[in-house]
C-alpha atoms as a PDB file:
ATOM      1  CA  UNK A   1      -6.431  -8.319  13.523  1.00  0.00           C
ATOM      2  CA  UNK A   2      -8.180 -10.117  10.660  1.00  0.00           C
ATOM      3  CA  UNK A   3      -5.998 -12.157   8.342  1.00  0.00           C
ATOM      4  CA  UNK A   4      -8.628 -12.935   5.680  1.00  0.00           C
ATOM      5  CA  UNK A   5     -11.663 -11.260   4.147  1.00  0.00           C
ATOM      6  CA  UNK A   6     -14.260 -12.411   1.618  1.00  0.00           C
ATOM      7  CA  UNK A   7     -15.211  -8.917   0.486  1.00  0.00           C
ATOM      8  CA  UNK A   8     -13.148  -6.589  -1.738  1.00  0.00           C
ATOM      9  CA  UNK A   9     -13.672  -3.724   0.738  1.00  0.00           C
ATOM     10  CA  UNK A  10     -12.180  -3.415   4.226  1.00  0.00           C
ATOM     11  CA  UNK A  11     -12.439  -0.688   6.866  1.00  0.00           C
ATOM     12  CA  UNK A  12      -9.229   0.735   8.359  1.00  0.00           C
ATOM     13  CA  UNK A  13      -8.208   3.724  10.469  1.00  0.00           C
ATOM     14  CA  UNK A  14      -5.903   6.470   9.252  1.00  0.00           C
ATOM     15  CA  UNK A  15      -2.351   6.398  10.545  1.00  0.00           C
ATOM     16  CA  UNK A  16      -2.560  10.195  11.054  1.00  0.00           C
ATOM     17  CA  UNK A  17      -5.831  12.125  11.448  1.00  0.00           C
ATOM     18  CA  UNK A  18      -7.142  13.566   8.160  1.00  0.00           C
ATOM     19  CA  UNK A  19      -3.916  12.674   6.309  1.00  0.00           C
ATOM     20  CA  UNK A  20      -6.082  10.892   3.731  1.00  0.00           C
ATOM     21  CA  UNK A  21      -8.652  13.675   3.371  1.00  0.00           C
ATOM     22  CA  UNK A  22      -9.387  14.353  -0.340  1.00  0.00           C
ATOM     23  CA  UNK A  23      -7.104  11.449  -1.343  1.00  0.00           C
ATOM     24  CA  UNK A  24      -9.824   9.153  -2.696  1.00  0.00           C
ATOM     25  CA  UNK A  25      -8.616   6.857  -5.512  1.00  0.00           C
ATOM     26  CA  UNK A  26      -5.016   7.002  -4.188  1.00  0.00           C
ATOM     27  CA  UNK A  27      -3.112   3.852  -3.285  1.00  0.00           C
ATOM     28  CA  UNK A  28      -2.637   3.035   0.391  1.00  0.00           C
ATOM     29  CA  UNK A  29      -0.246   0.855   2.394  1.00  0.00           C
ATOM     30  CA  UNK A  30      -0.457  -0.565   5.899  1.00  0.00           C
ATOM     31  CA  UNK A  31       0.483   1.866   8.663  1.00  0.00           C
ATOM     32  CA  UNK A  32       2.717   1.162  11.660  1.00  0.00           C
ATOM     33  CA  UNK A  33      -0.174   0.427  14.058  1.00  0.00           C
ATOM     34  CA  UNK A  34      -2.592  -2.479  13.622  1.00  0.00           C
ATOM     35  CA  UNK A  35      -5.516  -1.836  11.233  1.00  0.00           C
ATOM     36  CA  UNK A  36      -4.160   1.535  10.033  1.00  0.00           C
ATOM     37  CA  UNK A  37      -3.318   2.753   6.525  1.00  0.00           C
ATOM     38  CA  UNK A  38      -1.314   5.604   4.995  1.00  0.00           C
ATOM     39  CA  UNK A  39      -0.630   6.880   1.473  1.00  0.00           C
ATOM     40  CA  UNK A  40       1.561   4.395  -0.373  1.00  0.00           C
ATOM     41  CA  UNK A  41       5.012   5.554  -1.433  1.00  0.00           C
ATOM     42  CA  UNK A  42       7.070   3.951  -4.185  1.00  0.00           C
ATOM     43  CA  UNK A  43       8.862   1.800  -1.578  1.00  0.00           C
ATOM     44  CA  UNK A  44       5.698   0.628   0.244  1.00  0.00           C
ATOM     45  CA  UNK A  45       3.654  -2.455  -0.549  1.00  0.00           C
ATOM     46  CA  UNK A  46       0.319  -1.005  -1.669  1.00  0.00           C
ATOM     47  CA  UNK A  47      -2.631  -3.020  -0.342  1.00  0.00           C
ATOM     48  CA  UNK A  48      -5.540  -1.142  -1.870  1.00  0.00           C
ATOM     49  CA  UNK A  49      -7.209   2.041  -3.051  1.00  0.00           C
ATOM     50  CA  UNK A  50      -8.844   4.587  -0.752  1.00  0.00           C
ATOM     51  CA  UNK A  51     -12.542   4.845  -1.641  1.00  0.00           C
ATOM     52  CA  UNK A  52     -14.072   6.853   1.215  1.00  0.00           C
ATOM     53  CA  UNK A  53     -12.872   9.307   3.883  1.00  0.00           C
ATOM     54  CA  UNK A  54     -14.908  11.850   5.862  1.00  0.00           C
ATOM     55  CA  UNK A  55     -13.285  14.854   7.556  1.00  0.00           C
ATOM     56  CA  UNK A  56     -12.713  14.358  11.278  1.00  0.00           C
ATOM     57  CA  UNK A  57     -13.538  10.642  11.115  1.00  0.00           C
ATOM     58  CA  UNK A  58     -10.463   8.387  11.490  1.00  0.00           C
ATOM     59  CA  UNK A  59     -12.185   5.493   9.691  1.00  0.00           C
ATOM     60  CA  UNK A  60     -11.641   4.948   5.959  1.00  0.00           C
ATOM     61  CA  UNK A  61     -12.862   2.426   3.383  1.00  0.00           C
ATOM     62  CA  UNK A  62     -10.278   0.667   1.226  1.00  0.00           C
ATOM     63  CA  UNK A  63     -10.834  -1.392  -1.945  1.00  0.00           C
ATOM     64  CA  UNK A  64      -8.288  -4.192  -1.617  1.00  0.00           C
ATOM     65  CA  UNK A  65      -5.995  -5.045  -4.528  1.00  0.00           C
ATOM     66  CA  UNK A  66      -6.155  -8.591  -5.878  1.00  0.00           C
ATOM     67  CA  UNK A  67      -9.861  -9.071  -5.189  1.00  0.00           C
ATOM     68  CA  UNK A  68     -10.912  -9.154  -8.848  1.00  0.00           C
ATOM     69  CA  UNK A  69     -12.804  -6.596 -10.867  1.00  0.00           C
ATOM     70  CA  UNK A  70     -11.733  -3.055 -11.602  1.00  0.00           C
ATOM     71  CA  UNK A  71     -11.131  -0.025  -9.438  1.00  0.00           C
ATOM     72  CA  UNK A  72     -10.651   3.666 -10.222  1.00  0.00           C
ATOM     73  CA  UNK A  73      -7.197   5.059  -9.366  1.00  0.00           C
ATOM     74  CA  UNK A  74      -5.487   8.436  -9.790  1.00  0.00           C
ATOM     75  CA  UNK A  75      -2.868   8.643 -12.532  1.00  0.00           C
ATOM     76  CA  UNK A  76       0.390  10.456 -11.898  1.00  0.00           C
ATOM     77  CA  UNK A  77       0.798  11.323 -15.587  1.00  0.00           C
ATOM     78  CA  UNK A  78      -0.122  10.147 -19.063  1.00  0.00           C
ATOM     79  CA  UNK A  79      -0.445   6.364 -19.347  1.00  0.00           C
ATOM     80  CA  UNK A  80      -0.541   4.802 -22.804  1.00  0.00           C
ATOM     81  CA  UNK A  81      -3.153   2.160 -23.581  1.00  0.00           C
ATOM     82  CA  UNK A  82      -1.825  -1.266 -22.613  1.00  0.00           C
ATOM     83  CA  UNK A  83       1.117   0.113 -20.615  1.00  0.00           C
ATOM     84  CA  UNK A  84       2.245  -1.663 -17.453  1.00  0.00           C
ATOM     85  CA  UNK A  85       1.856   0.477 -14.366  1.00  0.00           C
ATOM     86  CA  UNK A  86       3.170   0.756 -10.825  1.00  0.00           C
ATOM     87  CA  UNK A  87       2.738   3.345  -8.077  1.00  0.00           C
ATOM     88  CA  UNK A  88       4.907   6.362  -7.466  1.00  0.00           C
ATOM     89  CA  UNK A  89       5.935   8.393  -4.431  1.00  0.00           C
ATOM     90  CA  UNK A  90       2.655  10.345  -4.475  1.00  0.00           C
ATOM     91  CA  UNK A  91       0.369   7.250  -4.203  1.00  0.00           C
ATOM     92  CA  UNK A  92      -0.691   7.651  -7.841  1.00  0.00           C
ATOM     93  CA  UNK A  93      -0.346   5.136 -10.651  1.00  0.00           C
ATOM     94  CA  UNK A  94       2.496   5.793 -13.114  1.00  0.00           C
ATOM     95  CA  UNK A  95       3.864   4.071 -16.211  1.00  0.00           C
ATOM     96  CA  UNK A  96       6.459   1.421 -15.432  1.00  0.00           C
ATOM     97  CA  UNK A  97       9.954   2.590 -16.309  1.00  0.00           C
ATOM     98  CA  UNK A  98      11.852   0.882 -19.143  1.00  0.00           C
ATOM     99  CA  UNK A  99      15.009   0.604 -17.008  1.00  0.00           C
ATOM    100  CA  UNK A 100      16.118  -2.868 -15.969  1.00  0.00           C
ATOM    101  CA  UNK A 101      15.135  -3.782 -12.439  1.00  0.00           C
ATOM    102  CA  UNK A 102      12.595  -5.491 -10.219  1.00  0.00           C
ATOM    103  CA  UNK A 103       9.225  -3.750  -9.971  1.00  0.00           C
ATOM    104  CA  UNK A 104       5.838  -4.325  -8.366  1.00  0.00           C
ATOM    105  CA  UNK A 105       3.081  -3.744 -10.891  1.00  0.00           C
ATOM    106  CA  UNK A 106      -0.702  -3.461 -10.786  1.00  0.00           C
END
């Protein structure tokens, strides 16, 4: 398994066949097997955004987070301009709650 990459895009396989179909622009997390990804839940560490998935093909393209630039993501609700965001249970970006706590933000 690769531990570094110079490009903002990386190919992976789906953890479950066609689980990511029609989920472009959703956040993904590493799957249980090497080089696999799944939809990110609020308790996962999101690694990137799904950018391409073809039906029946287990391979997907992921835009890695932290590689600079901008990337289109799906919103899980209304997000005010300048608001801090995180990801929710449905792999979509949501406004960070005002409650005290420790959060991972994008």
